C-alpha atoms as a PDB file:
ATOM      1  CA  UNK A   1      32.083 -41.468-219.962  1.00  0.00           C
ATOM      2  CA  UNK A   2      33.916 -44.802-220.317  1.00  0.00           C
ATOM      3  CA  UNK A   3      37.191 -43.323-219.069  1.00  0.00           C
ATOM      4  CA  UNK A   4      35.374 -41.815-216.101  1.00  0.00           C
ATOM      5  CA  UNK A   5      33.707 -45.142-215.369  1.00  0.00           C
ATOM      6  CA  UNK A   6      37.077 -46.896-215.531  1.00  0.00           C
ATOM      7  CA  UNK A   7      38.582 -44.290-213.210  1.00  0.00           C
ATOM      8  CA  UNK A   8      35.762 -44.765-210.695  1.00  0.00           C
ATOM      9  CA  UNK A   9      36.186 -48.550-210.889  1.00  0.00           C
ATOM     10  CA  UNK A  10      39.908 -48.098-210.166  1.00  0.00           C
ATOM     11  CA  UNK A  11      39.034 -45.907-207.171  1.00  0.00           C
ATOM     12  CA  UNK A  12      36.566 -48.547-205.977  1.00  0.00           C
ATOM     13  CA  UNK A  13      39.159 -51.327-206.358  1.00  0.00           C
ATOM     14  CA  UNK A  14      41.806 -49.219-204.624  1.00  0.00           C
ATOM     15  CA  UNK A  15      39.383 -48.695-201.761  1.00  0.00           C
ATOM     16  CA  UNK A  16      38.877 -52.445-201.503  1.00  0.00           C
ATOM     17  CA  UNK A  17      42.597 -53.156-201.629  1.00  0.00           C
ATOM     18  CA  UNK A  18      43.427 -50.382-199.152  1.00  0.00           C
ATOM     19  CA  UNK A  19      45.477 -51.185-196.106  1.00  0.00           C
ATOM     20  CA  UNK A  20      43.446 -52.858-193.363  1.00  0.00           C
ATOM     21  CA  UNK A  21      45.238 -50.729-190.744  1.00  0.00           C
ATOM     22  CA  UNK A  22      42.610 -48.073-191.374  1.00  0.00           C
ATOM     23  CA  UNK A  23      39.846 -50.393-190.256  1.00  0.00           C
ATOM     24  CA  UNK A  24      38.855 -51.196-186.678  1.00  0.00           C
ATOM     25  CA  UNK A  25      40.453 -54.102-184.917  1.00  0.00           C
ATOM     26  CA  UNK A  26      38.604 -56.469-182.657  1.00  0.00           C
ATOM     27  CA  UNK A  27      40.452 -55.323-179.544  1.00  0.00           C
ATOM     28  CA  UNK A  28      39.409 -51.674-179.893  1.00  0.00           C
ATOM     29  CA  UNK A  29      35.766 -52.144-180.802  1.00  0.00           C
ATOM     30  CA  UNK A  30      32.677 -52.939-178.789  1.00  0.00           C
ATOM     31  CA  UNK A  31      31.042 -54.506-181.852  1.00  0.00           C
ATOM     32  CA  UNK A  32      30.582 -58.286-181.939  1.00  0.00           C
ATOM     33  CA  UNK A  33      33.077 -60.385-183.926  1.00  0.00           C
ATOM     34  CA  UNK A  34      30.664 -61.396-186.696  1.00  0.00           C
ATOM     35  CA  UNK A  35      29.305 -57.875-187.016  1.00  0.00           C
ATOM     36  CA  UNK A  36      32.829 -56.445-187.071  1.00  0.00           C
ATOM     37  CA  UNK A  37      33.841 -58.871-189.808  1.00  0.00           C
ATOM     38  CA  UNK A  38      30.850 -57.693-191.864  1.00  0.00           C
ATOM     39  CA  UNK A  39      31.687 -54.041-191.255  1.00  0.00           C
ATOM     40  CA  UNK A  40      35.360 -54.412-192.150  1.00  0.00           C
ATOM     41  CA  UNK A  41      34.834 -56.271-195.392  1.00  0.00           C
ATOM     42  CA  UNK A  42      33.926 -53.883-198.258  1.00  0.00           C
ATOM     43  CA  UNK A  43      32.311 -56.667-200.264  1.00  0.00           C
ATOM     44  CA  UNK A  44      30.090 -57.544-197.301  1.00  0.00           C
ATOM     45  CA  UNK A  45      29.191 -53.881-196.786  1.00  0.00           C
ATOM     46  CA  UNK A  46      28.107 -53.688-200.404  1.00  0.00           C
ATOM     47  CA  UNK A  47      26.089 -56.862-199.900  1.00  0.00           C
ATOM     48  CA  UNK A  48      24.497 -55.478-196.737  1.00  0.00           C
ATOM     49  CA  UNK A  49      24.002 -51.986-198.171  1.00  0.00           C
ATOM     50  CA  UNK A  50      23.980 -52.377-201.986  1.00  0.00           C
ATOM     51  CA  UNK A  51      21.579 -49.515-202.628  1.00  0.00           C
ATOM     52  CA  UNK A  52      22.780 -46.623-204.773  1.00  0.00           C
ATOM     53  CA  UNK A  53      23.831 -43.557-202.828  1.00  0.00           C
ATOM     54  CA  UNK A  54      20.978 -41.702-204.530  1.00  0.00           C
ATOM     55  CA  UNK A  55      18.476 -43.813-202.552  1.00  0.00           C
ATOM     56  CA  UNK A  56      19.722 -42.662-199.150  1.00  0.00           C
ATOM     57  CA  UNK A  57      16.647 -41.989-197.013  1.00  0.00           C
ATOM     58  CA  UNK A  58      16.046 -38.312-196.247  1.00  0.00           C
ATOM     59  CA  UNK A  59      15.906 -38.839-192.479  1.00  0.00           C
ATOM     60  CA  UNK A  60      19.110 -40.881-192.556  1.00  0.00           C
ATOM     61  CA  UNK A  61      20.800 -38.134-194.585  1.00  0.00           C
ATOM     62  CA  UNK A  62      19.667 -35.469-192.091  1.00  0.00           C
ATOM     63  CA  UNK A  63      21.046 -37.443-189.158  1.00  0.00           C
ATOM     64  CA  UNK A  64      24.331 -38.150-190.926  1.00  0.00           C
ATOM     65  CA  UNK A  65      24.685 -34.444-191.733  1.00  0.00           C
ATOM     66  CA  UNK A  66      24.155 -33.550-188.066  1.00  0.00           C
ATOM     67  CA  UNK A  67      26.876 -36.037-187.155  1.00  0.00           C
ATOM     68  CA  UNK A  68      29.375 -35.173-189.900  1.00  0.00           C
ATOM     69  CA  UNK A  69      28.997 -31.402-190.434  1.00  0.00           C
ATOM     70  CA  UNK A  70      30.649 -30.088-187.253  1.00  0.00           C
ATOM     71  CA  UNK A  71      34.388 -29.699-187.842  1.00  0.00           C
ATOM     72  CA  UNK A  72      36.321 -31.900-185.436  1.00  0.00           C
ATOM     73  CA  UNK A  73      39.848 -30.816-184.529  1.00  0.00           C
ATOM     74  CA  UNK A  74      41.236 -34.333-184.919  1.00  0.00           C
ATOM     75  CA  UNK A  75      39.396 -35.045-188.162  1.00  0.00           C
ATOM     76  CA  UNK A  76      36.752 -37.700-188.736  1.00  0.00           C
ATOM     77  CA  UNK A  77      34.312 -35.073-189.979  1.00  0.00           C
ATOM     78  CA  UNK A  78      33.055 -34.113-193.443  1.00  0.00           C
ATOM     79  CA  UNK A  79      36.525 -32.817-194.398  1.00  0.00           C
ATOM     80  CA  UNK A  80      38.156 -36.175-193.734  1.00  0.00           C
ATOM     81  CA  UNK A  81      35.347 -37.960-195.559  1.00  0.00           C
ATOM     82  CA  UNK A  82      35.739 -35.585-198.542  1.00  0.00           C
ATOM     83  CA  UNK A  83      39.443 -36.424-198.643  1.00  0.00           C
ATOM     84  CA  UNK A  84      38.608 -40.146-198.699  1.00  0.00           C
ATOM     85  CA  UNK A  85      36.258 -39.567-201.636  1.00  0.00           C
ATOM     86  CA  UNK A  86      39.134 -37.838-203.435  1.00  0.00           C
ATOM     87  CA  UNK A  87      38.243 -34.159-203.181  1.00  0.00           C
ATOM     88  CA  UNK A  88      41.097 -31.683-203.478  1.00  0.00           C
ATOM     89  CA  UNK A  89      42.180 -29.427-200.625  1.00  0.00           C
ATOM     90  CA  UNK A  90      40.811 -26.292-202.322  1.00  0.00           C
ATOM     91  CA  UNK A  91      37.333 -27.819-202.550  1.00  0.00           C
ATOM     92  CA  UNK A  92      37.481 -28.944-198.929  1.00  0.00           C
ATOM     93  CA  UNK A  93      38.391 -25.363-197.936  1.00  0.00           C
ATOM     94  CA  UNK A  94      35.347 -24.183-199.912  1.00  0.00           C
ATOM     95  CA  UNK A  95      33.166 -26.672-198.028  1.00  0.00           C
ATOM     96  CA  UNK A  96      34.453 -25.325-194.708  1.00  0.00           C
ATOM     97  CA  UNK A  97      33.252 -21.874-195.732  1.00  0.00           C
ATOM     98  CA  UNK A  98      29.669 -23.000-196.293  1.00  0.00           C
ATOM     99  CA  UNK A  99      27.133 -21.631-193.862  1.00  0.00           C
ATOM    100  CA  UNK A 100      26.161 -24.822-192.046  1.00  0.00           C
ATOM    101  CA  UNK A 101      22.780 -23.359-191.092  1.00  0.00           C
ATOM    102  CA  UNK A 102      21.879 -23.075-194.788  1.00  0.00           C
ATOM    103  CA  UNK A 103      24.002 -25.725-196.505  1.00  0.00           C
ATOM    104  CA  UNK A 104      25.300 -29.011-195.192  1.00  0.00           C
ATOM    105  CA  UNK A 105      28.915 -29.607-196.241  1.00  0.00           C
ATOM    106  CA  UNK A 106      28.459 -33.362-195.829  1.00  0.00           C
ATOM    107  CA  UNK A 107      25.371 -33.327-198.028  1.00  0.00           C
ATOM    108  CA  UNK A 108      27.342 -31.346-200.627  1.00  0.00           C
ATOM    109  CA  UNK A 109      30.119 -33.966-200.534  1.00  0.00           C
ATOM    110  CA  UNK A 110      27.603 -36.768-201.047  1.00  0.00           C
ATOM    111  CA  UNK A 111      25.873 -34.884-203.859  1.00  0.00           C
ATOM    112  CA  UNK A 112      29.089 -34.226-205.795  1.00  0.00           C
ATOM    113  CA  UNK A 113      30.312 -37.770-205.162  1.00  0.00           C
ATOM    114  CA  UNK A 114      27.014 -39.187-206.407  1.00  0.00           C
ATOM    115  CA  UNK A 115      27.226 -37.047-209.575  1.00  0.00           C
ATOM    116  CA  UNK A 116      30.801 -38.114-210.273  1.00  0.00           C
ATOM    117  CA  UNK A 117      30.294 -41.756-209.305  1.00  0.00           C
ATOM    118  CA  UNK A 118      26.711 -42.796-210.039  1.00  0.00           C
ATOM    119  CA  UNK A 119      27.572 -46.387-209.138  1.00  0.00           C
ATOM    120  CA  UNK A 120      28.563 -45.421-205.565  1.00  0.00           C
ATOM    121  CA  UNK A 121      26.535 -47.315-202.998  1.00  0.00           C
ATOM    122  CA  UNK A 122      25.490 -46.749-199.423  1.00  0.00           C
ATOM    123  CA  UNK A 123      27.896 -49.599-198.665  1.00  0.00           C
ATOM    124  CA  UNK A 124      30.739 -47.582-200.229  1.00  0.00           C
ATOM    125  CA  UNK A 125      29.813 -44.664-197.999  1.00  0.00           C
ATOM    126  CA  UNK A 126      29.695 -46.945-194.945  1.00  0.00           C
ATOM    127  CA  UNK A 127      33.143 -48.299-195.826  1.00  0.00           C
ATOM    128  CA  UNK A 128      34.621 -44.791-196.037  1.00  0.00           C
ATOM    129  CA  UNK A 129      32.959 -43.877-192.750  1.00  0.00           C
ATOM    130  CA  UNK A 130      34.600 -46.951-191.204  1.00  0.00           C
ATOM    131  CA  UNK A 131      37.982 -45.899-192.579  1.00  0.00           C
ATOM    132  CA  UNK A 132      37.721 -42.540-190.821  1.00  0.00           C
ATOM    133  CA  UNK A 133      36.539 -44.311-187.664  1.00  0.00           C
ATOM    134  CA  UNK A 134      32.995 -42.920-187.686  1.00  0.00           C
ATOM    135  CA  UNK A 135      31.441 -46.083-186.314  1.00  0.00           C
ATOM    136  CA  UNK A 136      28.565 -44.002-184.936  1.00  0.00           C
ATOM    137  CA  UNK A 137      27.581 -42.981-188.472  1.00  0.00           C
ATOM    138  CA  UNK A 138      27.850 -46.554-189.756  1.00  0.00           C
ATOM    139  CA  UNK A 139      25.725 -47.723-186.850  1.00  0.00           C
ATOM    140  CA  UNK A 140      23.119 -45.083-187.761  1.00  0.00           C
ATOM    141  CA  UNK A 141      23.049 -46.354-191.361  1.00  0.00           C
ATOM    142  CA  UNK A 142      22.601 -49.894-190.133  1.00  0.00           C
ATOM    143  CA  UNK A 143      19.655 -48.760-187.987  1.00  0.00           C
ATOM    144  CA  UNK A 144      17.939 -47.208-190.986  1.00  0.00           C
ATOM    145  CA  UNK A 145      18.529 -50.177-193.240  1.00  0.00           C
ATOM    146  CA  UNK A 146      18.052 -52.879-190.585  1.00  0.00           C
ATOM    147  CA  UNK A 147      21.333 -54.683-191.243  1.00  0.00           C
END
């Protein structure tokens, strides 16, 4: 358990230290400067959305699944998100085979991530969504949590 916790902390720190090129720049975003600064800073996201992933509201989860489940040819779907979380290619292929009408691949990703990283927050999820340029999903989270 301690080794796993240390590994998850390393992943969290690596996420924080990740190259800022993956984050939106002010020229390409229609978000205000202050709001963009909050969205791009992982520590601010965790301050704005510090709740554990396990507390994600059911309606918010449903809407995120509707947004993230369809496979997008250029990425930025549940497969890209799963890669950001650290899932292997074989598991991502398995997720693609799920019957979306019965099982949400995005919900499965969140469930496995939550089990393997109980300290993951909604802010962590928002940060990863920003990295894959799913600003629509981050905006939806912000609507639900009024931040």
